[in-house]
Protein backbone atom coordinates (compact mmCIF):
# COMPACT_ATOMS: atom_id res chain seq x y z
CA MET A 1 342.40 229.75 176.73
CA ASN A 2 342.43 226.15 175.90
CA PHE A 3 342.16 224.46 172.41
CA LEU A 4 338.65 223.78 172.21
CA GLU A 5 337.63 227.44 173.72
CA GLN A 6 339.92 228.75 170.89
CA LEU A 7 338.24 226.12 168.18
CA ASN A 8 334.73 227.74 169.57
CA HIS A 9 335.87 231.37 168.89
CA GLN A 10 337.09 230.49 165.78
CA ILE A 11 333.85 229.35 164.69
CA GLU A 12 332.24 232.43 165.98
CA THR A 13 334.80 234.60 163.99
CA ASN A 14 333.73 232.51 161.00
CA LYS A 15 330.00 233.21 161.62
CA ALA A 16 328.50 235.71 158.86
CA GLU A 17 330.69 233.61 156.30
CA MET A 18 329.46 230.63 157.39
CA ILE A 19 325.68 231.95 156.72
CA SER A 20 326.69 233.70 153.66
CA SER A 21 327.78 230.34 152.21
CA LEU A 22 325.22 228.57 153.23
CA SER A 23 322.55 231.23 151.55
CA LYS A 24 324.47 230.87 148.29
CA LEU A 25 324.16 226.63 148.71
CA ILE A 26 320.41 227.02 149.19
CA SER A 27 319.89 229.66 146.20
CA ILE A 28 320.57 226.45 144.24
CA PRO A 29 317.47 224.25 143.65
CA SER A 30 319.34 220.86 143.50
CA VAL A 31 316.86 218.39 143.54
CA ALA A 32 318.26 215.52 142.11
CA THR A 33 317.42 214.49 138.37
CA ASP A 34 318.07 211.24 136.24
CA GLU A 35 320.29 213.06 133.64
CA LYS A 36 322.96 210.65 131.99
CA GLY A 37 326.40 212.25 130.98
CA VAL A 38 328.99 214.51 132.48
CA ARG A 39 325.87 215.97 135.07
CA PRO A 40 324.32 212.13 136.58
CA PHE A 41 322.16 214.04 138.56
CA GLY A 42 321.33 217.12 136.82
CA GLU A 43 322.91 220.76 136.46
CA LEU A 44 321.80 222.00 139.62
CA VAL A 45 323.08 219.20 141.83
CA GLN A 46 326.30 219.82 139.71
CA ASN A 47 326.38 223.13 140.58
CA ALA A 48 325.99 222.72 144.20
CA TYR A 49 328.66 219.94 144.45
CA GLU A 50 330.93 222.52 142.52
CA GLN A 51 330.58 225.22 144.97
CA MET A 52 331.35 222.96 147.65
CA LEU A 53 334.57 221.76 146.17
CA ALA A 54 335.64 225.23 144.89
CA MET A 55 335.24 226.61 148.44
CA ALA A 56 337.47 223.49 149.83
CA ARG A 57 339.92 224.14 147.28
CA ALA A 58 340.35 227.81 148.25
CA ASP A 59 340.64 227.18 151.80
CA GLY A 60 343.38 224.85 151.29
CA PHE A 61 341.97 221.29 151.43
CA GLU A 62 342.35 218.28 149.68
CA VAL A 63 339.59 217.20 147.10
CA PHE A 64 338.68 214.19 145.56
CA ASP A 65 335.89 214.17 142.70
CA ALA A 66 334.44 210.80 141.77
CA ASP A 67 333.44 211.56 138.23
CA ARG A 68 330.83 214.12 139.32
CA PHE A 69 328.99 211.16 141.40
CA GLY A 70 330.13 212.54 144.74
CA GLY A 71 333.19 213.02 146.41
CA HIS A 72 335.02 214.50 149.56
CA ILE A 73 337.06 216.83 150.92
CA ASP A 74 339.96 216.10 153.20
CA PHE A 75 341.72 217.20 156.16
CA PRO A 76 344.58 214.96 155.91
CA GLY A 77 345.99 213.27 159.53
CA SER A 78 349.56 212.47 160.29
CA GLY A 79 348.79 208.83 160.69
CA ASP A 80 346.61 205.98 159.66
CA GLY A 81 342.56 206.46 159.73
CA ILE A 82 340.02 208.05 158.65
CA VAL A 83 337.03 209.85 160.52
CA GLY A 84 334.00 210.11 157.85
CA ILE A 85 331.61 213.13 158.06
CA VAL A 86 328.83 212.34 155.45
CA GLY A 87 326.49 214.61 154.05
CA HIS A 88 324.46 215.23 150.91
CA LEU A 89 323.90 218.25 148.85
CA ASP A 90 320.50 217.31 147.06
CA VAL A 91 317.24 218.19 148.15
CA VAL A 92 313.53 216.94 147.75
CA PRO A 93 311.37 219.34 146.10
CA GLU A 94 309.92 222.24 147.41
CA GLY A 95 306.05 221.72 147.24
CA GLU A 96 303.92 224.42 147.56
CA GLY A 97 302.57 227.15 150.48
CA TRP A 98 305.81 228.56 151.53
CA ASN A 99 305.70 231.77 153.24
CA PHE A 100 309.26 232.76 151.95
CA ALA A 101 311.13 232.08 148.75
CA PRO A 102 312.06 228.46 148.91
CA TYR A 103 315.30 229.01 147.66
CA GLY A 104 315.95 232.29 148.30
CA GLY A 105 318.52 231.45 151.07
CA ASP A 106 317.35 234.57 153.10
CA VAL A 107 318.28 235.36 156.62
CA ILE A 108 314.75 236.19 158.22
CA ASP A 109 314.31 236.98 161.95
CA GLY A 110 317.48 235.06 162.96
CA TYR A 111 316.66 232.14 160.55
CA VAL A 112 318.52 230.84 157.35
CA CYS A 113 315.50 230.24 155.34
CA GLY A 114 314.83 227.65 152.39
CA ARG A 115 314.87 223.90 151.50
CA GLY A 116 317.85 222.27 152.48
CA THR A 117 318.54 224.46 155.49
CA VAL A 118 317.74 221.58 157.87
CA ASP A 119 317.98 218.58 155.36
CA ASP A 120 321.18 218.39 154.72
CA LYS A 121 322.55 221.44 153.44
CA GLY A 122 322.66 223.66 156.83
CA PRO A 123 324.03 220.36 158.63
CA VAL A 124 326.99 220.18 156.15
CA MET A 125 327.84 223.49 155.90
CA ALA A 126 328.11 223.52 159.88
CA SER A 127 330.43 220.26 159.45
CA TYR A 128 332.68 222.08 156.96
CA TYR A 129 332.99 225.10 159.05
CA ALA A 130 333.85 223.03 161.81
CA MET A 131 336.50 221.47 159.57
CA LYS A 132 338.21 224.78 158.74
CA ALA A 133 338.08 226.13 162.16
CA LEU A 134 340.25 223.00 163.05
CA LYS A 135 342.57 223.92 160.52
CA GLU A 136 342.75 227.51 161.16
CA CYS A 137 343.43 226.99 164.77
CA GLY A 138 346.46 224.69 163.60
CA TYR A 139 345.18 221.15 164.72
CA GLU A 140 347.00 218.37 163.33
CA PRO A 141 344.72 215.31 163.33
CA ALA A 142 346.31 211.60 163.51
CA LYS A 143 343.46 210.36 161.51
CA THR A 144 342.16 212.34 158.14
CA ILE A 145 339.16 214.12 158.64
CA ARG A 146 336.76 213.85 155.65
CA LEU A 147 333.61 215.30 154.50
CA ILE A 148 331.91 213.17 152.08
CA LEU A 149 329.51 214.62 149.43
CA GLY A 150 326.39 212.82 148.43
CA LEU A 151 324.57 213.84 145.45
CA ASP A 152 321.30 211.63 145.36
CA GLU A 153 320.77 210.74 148.93
CA GLU A 154 316.73 211.73 148.73
CA THR A 155 316.64 209.37 145.52
CA ASN A 156 318.59 206.17 144.74
CA TRP A 157 321.82 206.46 146.29
CA GLU A 158 323.38 205.64 142.92
CA GLY A 159 326.23 208.39 143.47
CA MET A 160 327.13 207.09 146.90
CA GLN A 161 327.48 203.62 145.29
CA TYR A 162 329.80 204.77 142.56
CA TYR A 163 331.60 206.96 144.96
CA LEU A 164 332.16 204.07 147.37
CA SER A 165 333.66 201.93 144.09
CA ARG A 166 336.01 204.66 143.56
CA VAL A 167 337.77 205.54 146.69
CA LYS A 168 340.44 202.95 148.34
CA ASP A 169 340.20 203.82 151.82
CA LEU A 170 337.02 204.00 153.71
CA PRO A 171 336.28 205.77 156.93
CA ASP A 172 336.76 203.90 159.98
CA CYS A 173 334.47 205.81 162.10
CA GLY A 174 332.27 208.76 161.88
CA PHE A 175 328.60 210.29 161.63
CA THR A 176 326.42 211.76 159.36
CA PRO A 177 324.74 215.19 160.45
CA ASP A 178 321.64 214.23 158.82
CA GLY A 179 319.18 212.77 161.42
CA ASP A 180 318.45 213.64 165.39
CA PHE A 181 320.53 214.13 168.33
CA PRO A 182 321.56 212.66 170.63
CA VAL A 183 322.63 210.11 168.46
CA ILE A 184 320.93 207.38 166.27
CA HIS A 185 322.36 203.73 166.77
CA ALA A 186 319.67 201.92 164.80
CA GLU A 187 318.07 202.65 161.66
CA MET A 188 315.08 200.83 160.73
CA GLY A 189 315.24 198.79 157.08
CA ILE A 190 313.64 200.63 154.20
CA LEU A 191 311.66 199.55 150.93
CA VAL A 192 310.06 201.43 148.19
CA PHE A 193 308.18 199.93 145.62
CA ASP A 194 305.13 200.14 143.62
CA ILE A 195 301.52 198.65 143.37
CA VAL A 196 300.65 198.56 140.20
CA LYS A 197 297.13 197.34 138.28
CA LYS A 198 296.43 197.37 134.54
CA LEU A 199 292.80 198.80 133.78
CA PRO A 200 290.30 197.69 131.25
CA SER A 201 288.74 199.90 128.77
CA ALA A 202 285.60 201.57 130.18
CA ARG A 203 282.51 200.93 127.96
CA GLY A 204 278.88 202.73 128.10
CA LYS A 205 278.20 205.90 129.43
CA GLY A 206 278.87 207.01 133.12
CA ILE A 207 281.54 208.67 135.37
CA GLU A 208 285.03 207.81 133.81
CA LEU A 209 288.29 208.54 135.44
CA SER A 210 290.76 210.37 133.20
CA SER A 211 293.75 210.73 135.62
CA ILE A 212 295.03 210.65 139.17
CA LYS A 213 298.38 211.95 140.50
CA GLY A 214 299.78 213.16 143.59
CA GLY A 215 302.67 213.57 145.65
CA THR A 216 306.04 214.39 144.71
CA ALA A 217 308.52 211.81 146.61
CA ALA A 218 308.56 208.68 147.99
CA ASN A 219 309.56 209.69 151.24
CA SER A 220 307.43 212.60 151.68
CA VAL A 221 303.60 212.59 152.69
CA ALA A 222 301.69 213.69 149.79
CA ASP A 223 300.72 217.18 150.22
CA HIS A 224 298.77 217.55 147.23
CA ALA A 225 296.75 215.37 144.91
CA ARG A 226 294.25 215.81 141.90
CA ALA A 227 291.86 213.56 140.05
CA VAL A 228 290.12 214.34 136.37
CA ILE A 229 286.70 212.75 135.87
CA ASN A 230 284.49 212.62 132.87
CA ASP A 231 280.74 212.23 132.88
CA THR A 232 279.70 210.95 129.73
CA THR A 233 276.08 211.10 130.28
CA GLY A 234 275.74 214.66 129.83
CA THR A 235 273.84 215.23 133.23
CA GLY A 236 276.78 217.90 134.66
CA TYR A 237 278.85 217.65 137.90
CA GLY A 238 276.54 219.22 140.04
CA PHE A 239 276.28 216.20 142.33
CA VAL A 240 280.15 216.15 142.56
CA LYS A 241 279.95 220.07 143.56
CA GLU A 242 277.64 219.03 146.48
CA MET A 243 279.86 216.07 147.67
CA ILE A 244 282.76 218.50 147.52
CA ALA A 245 280.89 220.92 149.78
CA ASN A 246 279.93 218.49 152.18
CA ALA A 247 283.26 217.06 152.81
CA ARG A 248 284.51 220.35 153.29
CA LYS A 249 282.02 221.00 155.91
CA GLU A 250 281.82 217.79 157.48
CA LYS A 251 285.11 216.42 157.38
CA GLY A 252 287.15 219.50 157.19
CA TRP A 253 289.00 218.38 154.10
CA LYS A 254 290.66 220.90 152.13
CA ILE A 255 289.14 219.82 148.79
CA ASN A 256 287.94 221.65 145.81
CA GLY A 257 286.64 221.16 142.53
CA LYS A 258 286.36 223.01 139.18
CA GLY A 259 285.10 222.22 135.24
CA VAL A 260 288.02 221.94 132.89
CA GLY A 261 286.58 222.04 129.84
CA LYS A 262 284.28 219.04 129.56
CA SER A 263 286.21 217.49 132.57
CA PHE A 264 286.03 217.91 136.16
CA GLU A 265 289.11 218.44 138.45
CA ILE A 266 288.95 217.57 142.04
CA SER A 267 292.03 218.67 143.69
CA VAL A 268 293.09 217.77 147.58
CA ALA A 269 295.56 219.88 149.48
CA GLY A 270 297.35 217.85 152.62
CA VAL A 271 300.63 218.62 154.83
CA SER A 272 303.80 217.25 153.98
CA ALA A 273 305.80 215.49 156.44
CA HIS A 274 309.03 212.99 156.44
CA GLY A 275 307.94 209.64 155.09
CA ALA A 276 309.60 208.13 158.59
CA HIS A 277 306.96 209.86 160.25
CA PRO A 278 303.58 210.29 158.49
CA GLU A 279 301.39 210.61 161.42
CA ARG A 280 302.82 214.19 161.48
CA GLY A 281 301.22 214.92 158.08
CA VAL A 282 298.07 214.66 156.15
CA ASN A 283 298.25 212.39 152.93
CA ALA A 284 296.30 214.40 150.29
CA ILE A 285 296.28 210.94 148.33
CA SER A 286 294.19 209.01 151.10
CA ILE A 287 291.63 211.81 151.43
CA LEU A 288 290.97 211.92 147.59
CA MET A 289 290.84 208.28 147.38
CA ASP A 290 288.39 208.41 150.21
CA PHE A 291 286.27 210.78 148.05
CA LEU A 292 286.49 209.00 144.75
CA GLY A 293 285.30 206.12 146.74
CA ASP A 294 282.09 207.33 146.98
CA LEU A 295 281.65 207.91 142.88
CA ASN A 296 280.00 205.37 140.91
CA PHE A 297 282.87 204.51 137.87
CA LEU A 298 281.65 203.07 135.02
CA ASN A 299 284.86 201.02 134.75
CA ASP A 300 284.89 198.26 136.93
CA GLY A 301 288.63 198.18 136.86
CA VAL A 302 289.09 201.54 138.59
CA ALA A 303 286.60 201.00 141.15
CA ASP A 304 288.23 197.89 142.43
CA PHE A 305 291.47 199.92 142.28
CA ILE A 306 290.02 202.33 144.47
CA ASP A 307 288.19 199.82 146.77
CA PHE A 308 291.77 198.29 147.20
CA TYR A 309 292.91 201.52 148.13
CA ASN A 310 290.57 202.46 150.81
CA ARG A 311 290.26 199.25 152.31
CA CYS A 312 294.07 198.09 152.24
CA ILE A 313 295.71 201.07 152.66
CA GLY A 314 293.58 204.27 153.36
CA TYR A 315 294.63 205.98 156.81
CA ASP A 316 296.52 203.07 158.21
CA LEU A 317 299.93 204.05 158.55
CA HIS A 318 301.34 200.53 159.75
CA GLY A 319 300.61 198.31 156.80
CA LYS A 320 298.30 196.03 159.13
CA ASN A 321 295.59 196.33 156.35
CA LEU A 322 297.99 195.23 153.71
CA GLY A 323 299.14 192.16 155.83
CA CYS A 324 302.58 193.17 156.19
CA TYR A 325 302.69 194.78 159.80
CA MET A 326 305.56 193.71 161.95
CA GLU A 327 307.30 194.65 165.16
CA ASP A 328 310.28 194.19 167.40
CA GLU A 329 311.27 195.20 170.86
CA LEU A 330 314.11 197.60 169.94
CA SER A 331 312.38 199.64 166.94
CA GLY A 332 308.76 198.93 167.41
CA GLY A 333 306.34 198.62 164.53
CA LEU A 334 306.56 199.06 160.78
CA VAL A 335 305.53 202.10 159.25
CA LEU A 336 303.84 202.81 155.97
CA ASN A 337 303.73 205.83 153.84
CA VAL A 338 302.06 206.37 150.40
CA GLY A 339 304.21 208.98 148.60
CA MET A 340 303.10 209.13 145.28
CA ILE A 341 300.06 207.98 142.88
CA GLU A 342 299.87 208.09 139.25
CA VAL A 343 296.66 206.68 137.20
CA ASP A 344 295.61 207.29 133.81
CA ARG A 345 293.19 205.33 131.61
CA GLN A 346 295.40 202.13 131.03
CA THR A 347 297.20 201.83 134.30
CA ALA A 348 297.31 202.74 138.24
CA LYS A 349 300.23 202.97 140.52
CA ILE A 350 301.01 203.77 143.82
CA THR A 351 304.64 204.43 145.28
CA VAL A 352 305.01 203.07 148.74
CA ASN A 353 307.49 203.74 151.04
CA VAL A 354 308.06 201.21 154.09
CA ARG A 355 310.43 200.92 157.39
CA TYR A 356 310.47 197.74 158.71
CA PRO A 357 312.10 196.79 161.85
CA VAL A 358 315.66 196.56 162.61
CA THR A 359 315.48 192.76 163.57
CA CYS A 360 313.04 192.06 160.70
CA GLU A 361 313.76 190.77 156.94
CA GLY A 362 312.75 193.11 153.97
CA GLU A 363 311.47 190.37 151.96
CA ASP A 364 309.12 189.22 154.75
CA VAL A 365 307.07 192.49 153.83
CA TYR A 366 306.55 191.50 150.26
CA GLU A 367 305.56 187.84 151.24
CA LYS A 368 302.93 189.08 153.90
CA MET A 369 301.34 191.41 151.17
CA LEU A 370 301.19 188.56 148.58
CA PRO A 371 297.57 187.25 149.80
CA VAL A 372 295.92 190.70 149.57
CA MET A 373 297.82 191.33 146.25
CA THR A 374 296.57 188.40 144.98
CA ARG A 375 292.86 188.83 146.02
CA TYR A 376 292.64 192.49 144.05
CA ASN A 377 294.98 191.11 140.95
CA MET A 378 297.81 193.97 141.96
CA GLY A 379 301.42 193.79 141.14
CA ILE A 380 304.33 194.64 142.82
CA VAL A 381 307.42 196.40 141.49
CA LYS A 382 310.44 196.26 143.87
CA GLY A 383 312.68 199.28 144.10
CA LYS A 384 315.02 200.70 146.42
CA HIS A 385 316.12 198.38 149.33
CA GLN A 386 318.10 199.78 152.44
CA TRP A 387 319.17 197.30 155.18
CA PRO A 388 318.48 198.12 158.78
CA LEU A 389 321.89 199.79 160.72
CA HIS A 390 322.56 198.63 164.20
CA VAL A 391 325.68 199.98 166.55
CA ALA A 392 325.42 198.86 170.14
CA LYS A 393 324.91 201.46 172.54
CA ASP A 394 327.75 200.93 174.60
CA SER A 395 330.39 201.06 171.76
CA HIS A 396 333.19 203.55 171.89
CA LEU A 397 331.77 205.78 169.07
CA ILE A 398 328.47 206.08 170.74
CA SER A 399 330.10 206.75 174.19
CA VAL A 400 332.03 209.59 172.76
CA LEU A 401 329.38 211.39 170.57
CA MET A 402 326.85 211.06 173.52
CA GLU A 403 329.55 212.69 175.87
CA ILE A 404 330.11 215.52 173.48
CA TYR A 405 326.37 216.24 172.89
CA ARG A 406 325.79 216.43 176.56
CA LYS A 407 328.38 218.63 177.07
CA HIS A 408 327.23 221.24 174.70
CA THR A 409 323.45 221.07 175.74
CA GLY A 410 323.22 220.01 179.18
CA ASP A 411 320.80 217.46 178.00
CA THR A 412 321.49 214.56 180.59
CA GLU A 413 318.16 212.54 180.05
CA SER A 414 317.98 211.78 176.18
CA GLN A 415 319.42 208.45 175.34
CA PRO A 416 320.59 206.82 171.84
CA LEU A 417 317.72 206.50 169.61
CA VAL A 418 316.16 204.26 167.10
CA ILE A 419 314.61 206.23 163.74
CA GLY A 420 312.58 204.93 160.82
CA GLY A 421 314.47 207.59 158.71
CA GLY A 422 317.24 206.23 156.42
CA THR A 423 320.74 208.23 156.42
CA TYR A 424 324.11 207.69 154.49
CA ALA A 425 325.09 205.96 157.95
CA ARG A 426 323.96 202.90 156.12
CA ALA A 427 326.68 203.10 153.50
CA MET A 428 329.78 202.35 155.24
CA ASP A 429 330.59 200.47 158.69
CA ASN A 430 330.71 202.31 161.88
CA ILE A 431 328.82 205.23 160.80
CA VAL A 432 325.72 206.81 162.90
CA ALA A 433 323.56 209.71 162.44
CA PHE A 434 324.66 212.50 164.97
CA GLY A 435 322.12 215.33 164.71
CA ALA A 436 321.24 217.91 163.42
CA ARG A 437 317.84 217.94 164.88
CA PHE A 438 317.52 218.66 168.62
CA PRO A 439 315.15 216.93 170.99
CA ASP A 440 311.71 218.59 170.81
CA GLN A 441 312.73 220.54 167.92
CA GLU A 442 310.10 220.95 164.99
CA GLU A 443 310.71 218.81 162.34
CA LEU A 444 311.32 221.16 159.36
CA GLY A 445 312.85 218.41 156.94
CA HIS A 446 310.88 217.84 153.60
CA GLN A 447 308.53 220.42 154.67
CA LYS A 448 307.31 223.67 153.74
CA ASN A 449 309.19 226.55 155.11
CA GLU A 450 311.97 224.71 156.12
CA ARG A 451 314.83 226.96 158.00
CA ILE A 452 317.51 226.68 160.55
CA SER A 453 318.35 229.31 163.16
CA VAL A 454 321.64 230.77 162.91
CA ASP A 455 322.23 229.93 166.61
CA GLU A 456 321.31 226.33 166.08
CA LEU A 457 323.83 226.51 163.32
CA MET A 458 326.67 227.95 165.21
CA LYS A 459 325.96 225.15 167.98
CA LEU A 460 326.12 222.36 165.36
CA ALA A 461 329.38 223.69 163.90
CA LYS A 462 330.94 223.42 167.45
CA ILE A 463 329.33 220.13 168.30
CA TYR A 464 330.49 218.85 165.05
CA ALA A 465 334.11 220.09 165.39
CA GLU A 466 334.66 218.97 168.65
CA ALA A 467 333.43 215.60 167.59
CA ALA A 468 335.93 215.68 164.47
CA TYR A 469 338.46 216.49 167.03
CA GLU A 470 338.09 213.63 169.65
CA LEU A 471 337.53 211.12 166.87
CA SER A 472 340.63 211.99 164.94
CA LYS A 473 342.67 211.49 167.63
CA VAL A 474 341.38 208.25 169.19
CA GLU A 475 340.94 205.05 168.32
CA VAL A 476 337.31 203.98 167.80
């Protein structure tokens, strides 16, 4: 039995333990919160983080904690250099409509089920058990193999920024198990911003908008949205109920209405998807705004805001109506997703997530939108910006990872990818996303009923073990 066969055998030996460890990790609803103090991202993220560190200490690895903002687990090498495996333990909110407990961590029909199994706790656990198998097989790496644990990848990356400010030596190569196979050599730039408008007070009698609220995260297609309206004329909401019935029948929308005291609530159900692929989902916010566009609101500011949304955003997923569309040969066209909306009687806010082409500039997106913003008297509040990533297809790192992928899958057709998703590969030089989703596999990250098959988990551990093995003994 050669070393790689021995390594795969050890991973199989640890199968039950790996599944148990992942199930325990999934049971922690580690959605990052903005909590100051000893738990920067909340108690639940801290609990998930402490579980990983405790497991690593018990297995004899070296551990570094950057004041609970993030940390790493080291398998020390005999020489210089670090191979980084960069993952995250936070998850997006679970949303609604699950067929099983989103934080149950149950094993059902050969799948480990729950939020984070795909993005990114399952791949992180596979990477950890890859390191553990290497250690148990007596491997002595030339370069240190380092599993870096991020804690707010799904939000603002403040933890990763703080972690990087605290460590002395950064990886000289590596991967993040938080994307697609065969390997991602380029990632589009990402912008998150709010489009805002102040609303004047309504006067007279008619239909008033009390509130709109929808979505859970900027980087997810909104799968729910709700509006509350008031008819101050006293004529009731029969006409709205009729409109809802027609919309359900003629357009197939999942839209409902009900009286709430003297108000009327309109709710829409959509289909969640990752913000990098909004075409795979159904945006409940866009449907709701489309519906509200047929109501005559007393407040002209509200009517203008709804008109702006429907004319300049609506169902356009590429920013053409906003005037910010751009494209390049490497990555294709800009992608736009409306992740959240929040409106009350004074202000309206839309949270937008844009993926722009690799060779373009983020500031150009804002500049191109200005004429539309000015015309509708809208404001922009800039948020997160992640610059594009590009590693040459013929680099040694890409070549090594491609060879390992092909060996384990038999897939000789797939080529290195460009994606709209944003991963921790951007945080350090010479890091690329390597899996964990295989070609033609259903995308379950950020969606209900997220799950990973046990067989897939084992395959990931074997691929990542060989990748860590090869990269830790060669110059990249």
